[in-house]
Amino acid sequence: MSSAGKCKVAIVGGGIVGVSTAYFLASRGLGEGVVLIESTRIAAAASGKAGGFLARDWGTPGSTQELHERGFDLHEELAKVFGLASYRKLPTLQVDVKARASKASKKLKASDDAKDEVLLDPATTKSRMMDPDTAQVTPPELIDNMWSKAQQAGVELINAKATGLERLEGGGFAIKLVENGKSTADQTSSERTVEAEKVVLAMGPWTVDAEDWLGKSKLTVPMVGIASSSMVVHAGEGTKIAATACFCGDDAQGCHLEMYPRPDNSVYVCGFGGSPHLDKATLQQTGPDDVKPNEDRVPLAQKSFAHLTTGLSEGNERVDLQCCLRPCTDDATPMIGPVEPGKYDLLIGTGHNCWGILWGPITGSILADLVEKQATDVDLRPFNPLRFTRAA
């Protein structure tokens, strides 16, 4: 960025979509002159707390299926490029929850399986193959690698909150920023403006702010943030976890757990139920670090996990609790593309809901295409942001 505060491309949002956009621009030799604006830190929200489950054939034909296929294949390529330790192929099981076994039978079964890989307890579950060809990645490892490469290629980070966007008469945009002051005593902050020739809005659920910035544009961003609690259970020493993703049916606790064992011998667990939906007004008063696990649902999910598994609730495990804030549009389909018809200087990429990690890199590649050459080979018609417009 020039000393006058001008850049070629400004990406607003440091989650997986924003970082992927920066990475793909940088990989094409366009890193110099690109800035990424992030209010907190890279992957501070859902991107850093997601499960990283990947499925190639789970999309909707004519809508999201192409994102699934292209996204799945791109993840495999990126895993090879970066040598990701957390990426692997694994099967996925559909798990039915059975009535609670007696303590004696459960204890006996756990003892029988102690020498083998552990996960599901056959005394309390019945499973069948759901998809043999799924995969997983631990999101922070991927995002950290992409961001490192982007920075090496000249992409700059601005640690500030974007508070406004104005189209300039001579072309380009002025982005209003508020930077936190260094003094925590007086809570001071400073305002500044960055000018950019092109802007990419990739702020996850906080992209709702763009409605207030776009002024004369008819675009709306009808989206909520879904606060989805999760936990990462780190197995005790000597325990080996089976490499099988599990989608479990509804249980007596009101949970429908999803369990993704990771190569580091931990299990990512979500599907706690009772996920609050944060509307625009609430989102605008909520930051990434304000999103906390649902205290009412956590003990119920832990009880469900103990019921469904064997060898993983012995009291010597470490459990990390966290909460994603998933951006979900009114039609549960992402918004990807230009904000105004025929203009490729202002783009948006958001609304990826539970598939943010799968779709994030391919969305970044698409946005880089549009920045670079105003075209992409992915059919964006289902994701056209202009399907959401105000009445004239």
Protein backbone atom coordinates (compact mmCIF):
# COMPACT_ATOMS: atom_id res chain seq x y z
CA MET A 1 0.00 0.00 0.00
CA SER A 2 1.27 3.48 -0.79
CA SER A 3 2.21 5.99 1.88
CA ALA A 4 -0.88 7.94 0.86
CA GLY A 5 -3.11 5.11 2.07
CA LYS A 6 -4.03 3.81 -1.37
CA CYS A 7 -4.10 0.22 -2.58
CA LYS A 8 -5.24 -1.80 -5.57
CA VAL A 9 -7.42 -4.30 -3.70
CA ALA A 10 -8.83 -4.17 -0.19
CA ILE A 11 -10.25 -7.38 1.28
CA VAL A 12 -12.44 -6.76 4.31
CA GLY A 13 -12.51 -9.80 6.59
CA GLY A 14 -9.78 -12.18 7.75
CA GLY A 15 -11.70 -15.46 7.77
CA ILE A 16 -11.19 -18.31 5.32
CA VAL A 17 -12.89 -16.50 2.42
CA GLY A 18 -10.87 -13.32 2.84
CA VAL A 19 -7.58 -15.16 3.40
CA SER A 20 -8.25 -17.47 0.44
CA THR A 21 -8.91 -14.45 -1.79
CA ALA A 22 -5.63 -12.88 -0.67
CA TYR A 23 -3.78 -16.17 -1.20
CA PHE A 24 -5.05 -16.72 -4.72
CA LEU A 25 -4.36 -13.13 -5.75
CA ALA A 26 -0.86 -13.49 -4.33
CA SER A 27 -0.29 -16.84 -6.06
CA ARG A 28 -1.03 -15.11 -9.38
CA GLY A 29 1.59 -12.46 -8.76
CA LEU A 30 -0.90 -9.82 -7.59
CA GLY A 31 0.04 -9.68 -3.91
CA GLU A 32 1.67 -6.25 -4.00
CA GLY A 33 -0.99 -3.61 -3.54
CA VAL A 34 -3.43 -5.95 -1.75
CA VAL A 35 -4.44 -5.24 1.84
CA LEU A 36 -6.53 -7.40 4.16
CA ILE A 37 -8.54 -5.52 6.78
CA GLU A 38 -9.37 -7.52 9.90
CA SER A 39 -10.77 -6.11 13.14
CA THR A 40 -9.60 -8.86 15.49
CA ARG A 41 -7.14 -11.46 14.16
CA ILE A 42 -6.90 -13.94 11.31
CA ALA A 43 -9.56 -16.69 11.59
CA ALA A 44 -10.94 -15.19 14.79
CA ALA A 45 -14.51 -16.35 14.29
CA ALA A 46 -16.07 -19.45 12.68
CA SER A 47 -13.10 -20.08 10.39
CA GLY A 48 -10.85 -20.80 13.34
CA LYS A 49 -13.39 -22.88 15.26
CA ALA A 50 -15.04 -25.00 12.57
CA GLY A 51 -14.82 -28.76 12.29
CA GLY A 52 -13.29 -28.92 8.82
CA PHE A 53 -15.49 -31.75 7.52
CA LEU A 54 -15.38 -32.07 3.71
CA ALA A 55 -17.90 -33.85 1.49
CA ARG A 56 -17.79 -33.85 -2.31
CA ASP A 57 -21.26 -35.12 -3.16
CA TRP A 58 -23.48 -33.51 -0.55
CA GLY A 59 -24.53 -30.44 -2.52
CA THR A 60 -27.81 -29.51 -4.19
CA PRO A 61 -27.85 -30.19 -7.96
CA GLY A 62 -28.11 -26.98 -9.94
CA SER A 63 -27.11 -24.93 -6.92
CA THR A 64 -24.31 -25.83 -4.51
CA GLN A 65 -23.11 -29.13 -5.98
CA GLU A 66 -20.44 -27.45 -8.11
CA LEU A 67 -19.07 -25.68 -5.04
CA HIS A 68 -18.92 -29.03 -3.25
CA GLU A 69 -17.05 -30.74 -6.08
CA ARG A 70 -14.67 -27.90 -6.88
CA GLY A 71 -14.16 -27.12 -3.20
CA PHE A 72 -13.43 -30.73 -2.26
CA ASP A 73 -10.89 -31.14 -5.08
CA LEU A 74 -9.23 -27.82 -4.26
CA HIS A 75 -8.77 -28.85 -0.63
CA GLU A 76 -6.91 -31.95 -1.75
CA GLU A 77 -4.64 -29.81 -3.94
CA LEU A 78 -3.95 -27.33 -1.16
CA ALA A 79 -3.18 -30.15 1.27
CA LYS A 80 -0.49 -31.36 -1.11
CA VAL A 81 0.89 -27.85 -1.72
CA PHE A 82 1.27 -27.15 2.00
CA GLY A 83 1.86 -30.70 3.24
CA LEU A 84 -0.99 -30.38 5.71
CA ALA A 85 -0.74 -32.87 8.56
CA SER A 86 -4.42 -32.50 9.45
CA TYR A 87 -5.84 -33.34 6.01
CA ARG A 88 -6.93 -36.89 5.34
CA LYS A 89 -9.61 -38.92 3.61
CA LEU A 90 -11.96 -40.80 5.90
CA PRO A 91 -15.39 -42.51 5.72
CA THR A 92 -18.53 -41.14 7.33
CA LEU A 93 -21.04 -43.21 9.29
CA GLN A 94 -24.72 -42.60 10.00
CA VAL A 95 -25.21 -43.46 13.66
CA ASP A 96 -28.48 -44.41 15.34
CA VAL A 97 -28.66 -43.89 19.08
CA LYS A 98 -29.78 -46.90 21.11
CA ALA A 99 -31.20 -47.00 24.61
CA ARG A 100 -28.64 -46.67 27.37
CA ALA A 101 -26.83 -49.91 28.12
CA SER A 102 -26.40 -51.12 31.66
CA LYS A 103 -23.26 -49.97 33.41
CA ALA A 104 -21.93 -53.50 33.43
CA SER A 105 -22.30 -54.07 29.71
CA LYS A 106 -20.85 -50.67 28.87
CA LYS A 107 -17.86 -51.21 31.13
CA LEU A 108 -17.25 -54.66 29.69
CA LYS A 109 -17.40 -53.40 26.14
CA ALA A 110 -15.02 -50.55 26.83
CA SER A 111 -12.60 -53.04 28.37
CA ASP A 112 -12.89 -55.35 25.35
CA ASP A 113 -12.06 -52.51 22.96
CA ALA A 114 -9.26 -50.97 25.02
CA LYS A 115 -6.52 -52.48 22.89
CA ASP A 116 -8.13 -51.28 19.63
CA GLU A 117 -9.14 -47.95 18.14
CA VAL A 118 -12.00 -46.38 20.07
CA LEU A 119 -14.90 -44.11 19.23
CA LEU A 120 -18.45 -45.48 19.01
CA ASP A 121 -19.76 -47.76 21.72
CA PRO A 122 -21.60 -50.67 20.04
CA ALA A 123 -23.66 -51.10 23.21
CA THR A 124 -25.35 -47.72 22.65
CA THR A 125 -25.04 -47.12 18.90
CA LYS A 126 -25.86 -48.77 15.61
CA SER A 127 -24.01 -47.47 12.57
CA ARG A 128 -24.03 -47.87 8.81
CA MET A 129 -21.96 -46.43 6.01
CA MET A 130 -23.13 -42.99 4.93
CA ASP A 131 -20.33 -41.94 2.57
CA PRO A 132 -16.97 -43.73 2.15
CA ASP A 133 -15.33 -40.80 0.34
CA THR A 134 -15.34 -37.80 2.67
CA ALA A 135 -12.34 -35.95 4.11
CA GLN A 136 -11.29 -33.49 6.78
CA VAL A 137 -8.84 -30.71 7.55
CA THR A 138 -8.18 -28.73 10.71
CA PRO A 139 -9.01 -25.19 9.49
CA PRO A 140 -6.38 -23.12 11.35
CA GLU A 141 -3.55 -25.15 9.80
CA LEU A 142 -4.82 -24.47 6.28
CA ILE A 143 -5.63 -20.81 6.92
CA ASP A 144 -2.28 -20.12 8.60
CA ASN A 145 -0.43 -21.59 5.61
CA MET A 146 -2.42 -19.59 3.06
CA TRP A 147 -2.00 -16.39 5.03
CA SER A 148 1.73 -16.91 5.43
CA LYS A 149 2.15 -17.33 1.67
CA ALA A 150 -0.01 -14.29 0.97
CA GLN A 151 2.09 -12.13 3.28
CA GLN A 152 5.31 -13.41 1.75
CA ALA A 153 3.96 -12.29 -1.62
CA GLY A 154 3.30 -8.75 -0.40
CA VAL A 155 -0.24 -8.77 1.01
CA GLU A 156 -0.47 -6.37 3.96
CA LEU A 157 -2.60 -6.67 7.08
CA ILE A 158 -4.49 -3.71 8.52
CA ASN A 159 -5.72 -4.51 12.02
CA ALA A 160 -8.75 -2.23 12.19
CA LYS A 161 -12.53 -2.33 11.99
CA ALA A 162 -14.14 -1.20 8.74
CA THR A 163 -17.02 1.15 9.57
CA GLY A 164 -17.99 2.56 6.20
CA LEU A 165 -17.53 2.38 2.45
CA GLU A 166 -17.98 5.15 -0.11
CA ARG A 167 -17.69 5.02 -3.90
CA LEU A 168 -15.44 7.87 -5.10
CA GLU A 169 -16.43 10.03 -8.04
CA GLY A 170 -13.13 9.44 -9.83
CA GLY A 171 -13.33 5.66 -9.36
CA GLY A 172 -12.48 3.34 -6.52
CA PHE A 173 -13.59 3.43 -2.91
CA ALA A 174 -12.84 5.05 0.41
CA ILE A 175 -13.02 2.62 3.34
CA LYS A 176 -13.47 4.14 6.77
CA LEU A 177 -11.56 2.40 9.53
CA VAL A 178 -11.40 2.61 13.29
CA GLU A 179 -8.17 1.39 14.83
CA ASN A 180 -8.00 0.48 18.51
CA GLY A 181 -5.84 2.80 20.53
CA LYS A 182 -2.75 1.47 22.22
CA SER A 183 -3.92 2.79 25.59
CA THR A 184 -6.34 0.45 27.34
CA ALA A 185 -6.76 3.01 30.12
CA ASP A 186 -8.62 5.60 28.07
CA GLN A 187 -9.99 3.20 25.43
CA THR A 188 -9.02 5.66 22.72
CA SER A 189 -9.31 4.86 19.06
CA SER A 190 -8.23 6.56 15.88
CA GLU A 191 -10.05 6.89 12.59
CA ARG A 192 -8.47 6.70 9.16
CA THR A 193 -9.43 6.10 5.55
CA VAL A 194 -7.94 3.72 3.02
CA GLU A 195 -8.60 4.14 -0.68
CA ALA A 196 -8.84 1.07 -2.89
CA GLU A 197 -9.43 0.52 -6.59
CA LYS A 198 -11.38 -2.66 -5.83
CA VAL A 199 -13.00 -4.03 -2.66
CA VAL A 200 -13.96 -7.55 -1.58
CA LEU A 201 -16.40 -7.85 1.32
CA ALA A 202 -15.88 -11.16 3.16
CA MET A 203 -16.86 -10.48 6.75
CA GLY A 204 -18.91 -13.60 7.45
CA PRO A 205 -22.09 -12.73 9.37
CA TRP A 206 -20.82 -9.16 9.89
CA THR A 207 -21.21 -8.54 6.16
CA VAL A 208 -24.68 -7.32 7.20
CA ASP A 209 -22.88 -4.02 7.90
CA ALA A 210 -22.56 -3.55 4.14
CA GLU A 211 -26.28 -2.76 3.89
CA ASP A 212 -25.60 0.49 5.74
CA TRP A 213 -22.52 1.28 3.67
CA LEU A 214 -23.83 0.83 0.15
CA GLY A 215 -26.09 3.85 0.15
CA LYS A 216 -27.82 4.06 -3.20
CA SER A 217 -27.33 0.37 -3.93
CA LYS A 218 -30.49 -1.73 -3.70
CA LEU A 219 -28.57 -4.71 -2.34
CA THR A 220 -29.62 -6.20 0.98
CA VAL A 221 -27.76 -8.78 3.05
CA PRO A 222 -30.51 -10.81 4.74
CA MET A 223 -28.44 -12.95 7.03
CA VAL A 224 -28.23 -14.20 10.60
CA GLY A 225 -25.31 -15.52 12.58
CA ILE A 226 -25.99 -19.00 13.97
CA ALA A 227 -24.11 -19.48 17.23
CA SER A 228 -23.14 -23.18 17.14
CA SER A 229 -21.36 -24.54 20.18
CA SER A 230 -18.71 -27.22 19.82
CA MET A 231 -15.99 -28.95 21.79
CA VAL A 232 -12.68 -30.59 20.99
CA VAL A 233 -12.00 -33.66 23.12
CA HIS A 234 -8.31 -34.52 23.36
CA ALA A 235 -7.88 -38.20 24.14
CA GLY A 236 -5.84 -39.38 27.06
CA GLU A 237 -2.39 -40.85 26.63
CA GLY A 238 -2.38 -44.26 24.96
CA THR A 239 -5.85 -43.89 23.43
CA LYS A 240 -6.14 -44.28 19.66
CA ILE A 241 -9.28 -42.93 18.01
CA ALA A 242 -10.85 -44.55 14.95
CA ALA A 243 -10.65 -42.37 11.82
CA THR A 244 -14.37 -42.29 11.09
CA ALA A 245 -16.62 -39.24 10.95
CA CYS A 246 -20.00 -39.82 12.59
CA PHE A 247 -23.37 -38.15 12.04
CA CYS A 248 -25.61 -39.19 14.91
CA GLY A 249 -29.38 -39.14 15.12
CA ASP A 250 -31.40 -37.16 17.64
CA ASP A 251 -31.01 -38.37 21.19
CA ALA A 252 -32.66 -37.98 24.56
CA GLN A 253 -30.65 -34.82 25.30
CA GLY A 254 -31.98 -33.01 22.24
CA CYS A 255 -28.56 -33.33 20.56
CA HIS A 256 -27.69 -34.64 17.11
CA LEU A 257 -23.96 -34.92 17.51
CA GLU A 258 -21.47 -34.79 14.67
CA MET A 259 -18.05 -36.19 15.56
CA TYR A 260 -14.92 -35.68 13.50
CA PRO A 261 -11.84 -37.52 14.84
CA ARG A 262 -8.66 -35.66 13.91
CA PRO A 263 -5.16 -36.97 13.18
CA ASP A 264 -3.84 -35.35 16.37
CA ASN A 265 -5.94 -37.84 18.38
CA SER A 266 -8.70 -35.42 19.25
CA VAL A 267 -12.39 -35.40 18.34
CA TYR A 268 -14.27 -32.32 17.16
CA VAL A 269 -17.88 -32.51 18.36
CA CYS A 270 -20.79 -30.28 17.32
CA GLY A 271 -24.56 -30.65 16.92
CA PHE A 272 -25.39 -29.61 20.47
CA GLY A 273 -28.80 -28.23 19.47
CA GLY A 274 -30.33 -24.99 20.71
CA SER A 275 -28.19 -22.70 18.52
CA PRO A 276 -29.28 -19.05 18.87
CA HIS A 277 -29.79 -16.98 15.71
CA LEU A 278 -28.30 -13.49 15.96
CA ASP A 279 -30.04 -10.84 13.85
CA LYS A 280 -28.42 -7.77 12.28
CA ALA A 281 -28.87 -5.52 15.31
CA THR A 282 -27.36 -8.13 17.62
CA LEU A 283 -24.47 -8.89 15.25
CA GLN A 284 -23.56 -5.22 15.13
CA GLN A 285 -23.14 -5.26 18.91
CA THR A 286 -21.24 -8.57 18.96
CA GLY A 287 -17.58 -9.23 18.19
CA PRO A 288 -15.88 -12.58 17.48
CA ASP A 289 -14.65 -12.89 21.06
CA ASP A 290 -18.15 -12.25 22.42
CA VAL A 291 -19.48 -15.49 20.93
CA LYS A 292 -19.49 -18.08 23.72
CA PRO A 293 -20.67 -21.70 23.99
CA ASN A 294 -24.25 -22.22 25.11
CA GLU A 295 -23.88 -23.01 28.82
CA ASP A 296 -27.22 -24.82 28.90
CA ARG A 297 -26.37 -27.12 26.01
CA VAL A 298 -22.74 -27.98 26.84
CA PRO A 299 -23.45 -30.43 29.70
CA LEU A 300 -26.16 -32.11 27.64
CA ALA A 301 -23.78 -32.56 24.71
CA GLN A 302 -21.11 -33.94 27.02
CA LYS A 303 -23.64 -36.40 28.40
CA SER A 304 -24.57 -37.46 24.85
CA PHE A 305 -20.91 -37.85 23.90
CA ALA A 306 -20.26 -40.06 26.92
CA HIS A 307 -23.28 -42.19 26.03
CA LEU A 308 -22.27 -42.67 22.38
CA THR A 309 -18.57 -43.32 22.80
CA THR A 310 -16.26 -45.68 24.58
CA GLY A 311 -12.77 -44.95 25.90
CA LEU A 312 -13.20 -41.17 25.52
CA SER A 313 -14.98 -40.11 28.70
CA GLU A 314 -12.67 -41.59 31.30
CA GLY A 315 -11.84 -38.31 33.04
CA ASN A 316 -8.29 -37.94 31.70
CA GLU A 317 -9.23 -36.07 28.53
CA ARG A 318 -8.80 -32.35 27.92
CA VAL A 319 -11.89 -30.64 26.56
CA ASP A 320 -11.81 -27.28 24.76
CA LEU A 321 -15.16 -25.48 24.44
CA GLN A 322 -15.83 -22.96 21.68
CA CYS A 323 -18.57 -21.49 19.52
CA CYS A 324 -18.80 -20.74 15.79
CA LEU A 325 -20.97 -17.96 14.40
CA ARG A 326 -22.12 -19.34 11.06
CA PRO A 327 -23.32 -16.82 8.43
CA CYS A 328 -26.61 -18.01 6.96
CA THR A 329 -28.65 -16.10 4.37
CA ASP A 330 -32.44 -16.21 4.17
CA ASP A 331 -32.28 -18.93 1.50
CA ALA A 332 -29.31 -20.74 3.09
CA THR A 333 -27.25 -20.17 -0.08
CA PRO A 334 -24.08 -18.06 -0.23
CA MET A 335 -23.71 -14.66 -1.84
CA ILE A 336 -20.76 -14.61 -4.25
CA GLY A 337 -20.16 -12.02 -6.94
CA PRO A 338 -20.57 -8.32 -7.85
CA VAL A 339 -22.68 -6.04 -5.71
CA GLU A 340 -23.80 -4.02 -8.74
CA PRO A 341 -24.69 -5.38 -12.20
CA GLY A 342 -21.73 -5.46 -14.55
CA LYS A 343 -19.33 -3.84 -12.09
CA TYR A 344 -16.46 -5.96 -10.79
CA ASP A 345 -14.83 -3.42 -8.52
CA LEU A 346 -17.04 -4.27 -5.52
CA LEU A 347 -17.49 -7.96 -4.72
CA ILE A 348 -19.04 -9.95 -1.91
CA GLY A 349 -18.42 -13.47 -0.60
CA THR A 350 -20.43 -14.56 2.43
CA GLY A 351 -23.29 -16.73 3.70
CA HIS A 352 -21.56 -20.12 3.60
CA ASN A 353 -23.33 -21.44 6.72
CA CYS A 354 -22.03 -24.91 7.76
CA TRP A 355 -19.93 -25.36 4.59
CA GLY A 356 -17.62 -22.40 5.13
CA ILE A 357 -14.44 -24.47 5.26
CA LEU A 358 -15.34 -26.62 2.24
CA TRP A 359 -16.46 -23.67 0.13
CA GLY A 360 -14.04 -21.05 1.50
CA PRO A 361 -10.98 -21.70 -0.71
CA ILE A 362 -12.99 -22.13 -3.91
CA THR A 363 -14.87 -18.92 -3.11
CA GLY A 364 -11.53 -17.15 -2.65
CA SER A 365 -10.38 -18.49 -6.01
CA ILE A 366 -13.61 -17.27 -7.64
CA LEU A 367 -13.28 -13.80 -6.12
CA ALA A 368 -9.65 -13.62 -7.24
CA ASP A 369 -10.84 -14.51 -10.76
CA LEU A 370 -13.36 -11.70 -10.69
CA VAL A 371 -10.82 -9.20 -9.37
CA GLU A 372 -8.23 -10.20 -11.95
CA LYS A 373 -10.27 -10.82 -15.11
CA GLN A 374 -13.92 -10.08 -14.34
CA ALA A 375 -14.85 -13.68 -15.12
CA THR A 376 -14.80 -17.18 -13.62
CA ASP A 377 -15.53 -20.67 -14.90
CA VAL A 378 -17.82 -21.42 -11.94
CA ASP A 379 -21.55 -20.90 -12.51
CA LEU A 380 -22.39 -18.09 -10.09
CA ARG A 381 -26.05 -17.69 -11.00
CA PRO A 382 -27.31 -19.50 -7.87
CA PHE A 383 -25.15 -17.24 -5.70
CA ASN A 384 -25.88 -13.88 -7.34
CA PRO A 385 -25.96 -11.31 -4.51
CA LEU A 386 -28.51 -9.30 -6.49
CA ARG A 387 -31.21 -11.87 -5.78
CA PHE A 388 -31.56 -9.89 -2.55
CA THR A 389 -32.57 -6.34 -3.44
CA ARG A 390 -34.72 -3.61 -1.98
CA ALA A 391 -37.91 -2.62 -3.75
CA ALA A 392 -37.42 0.40 -6.01
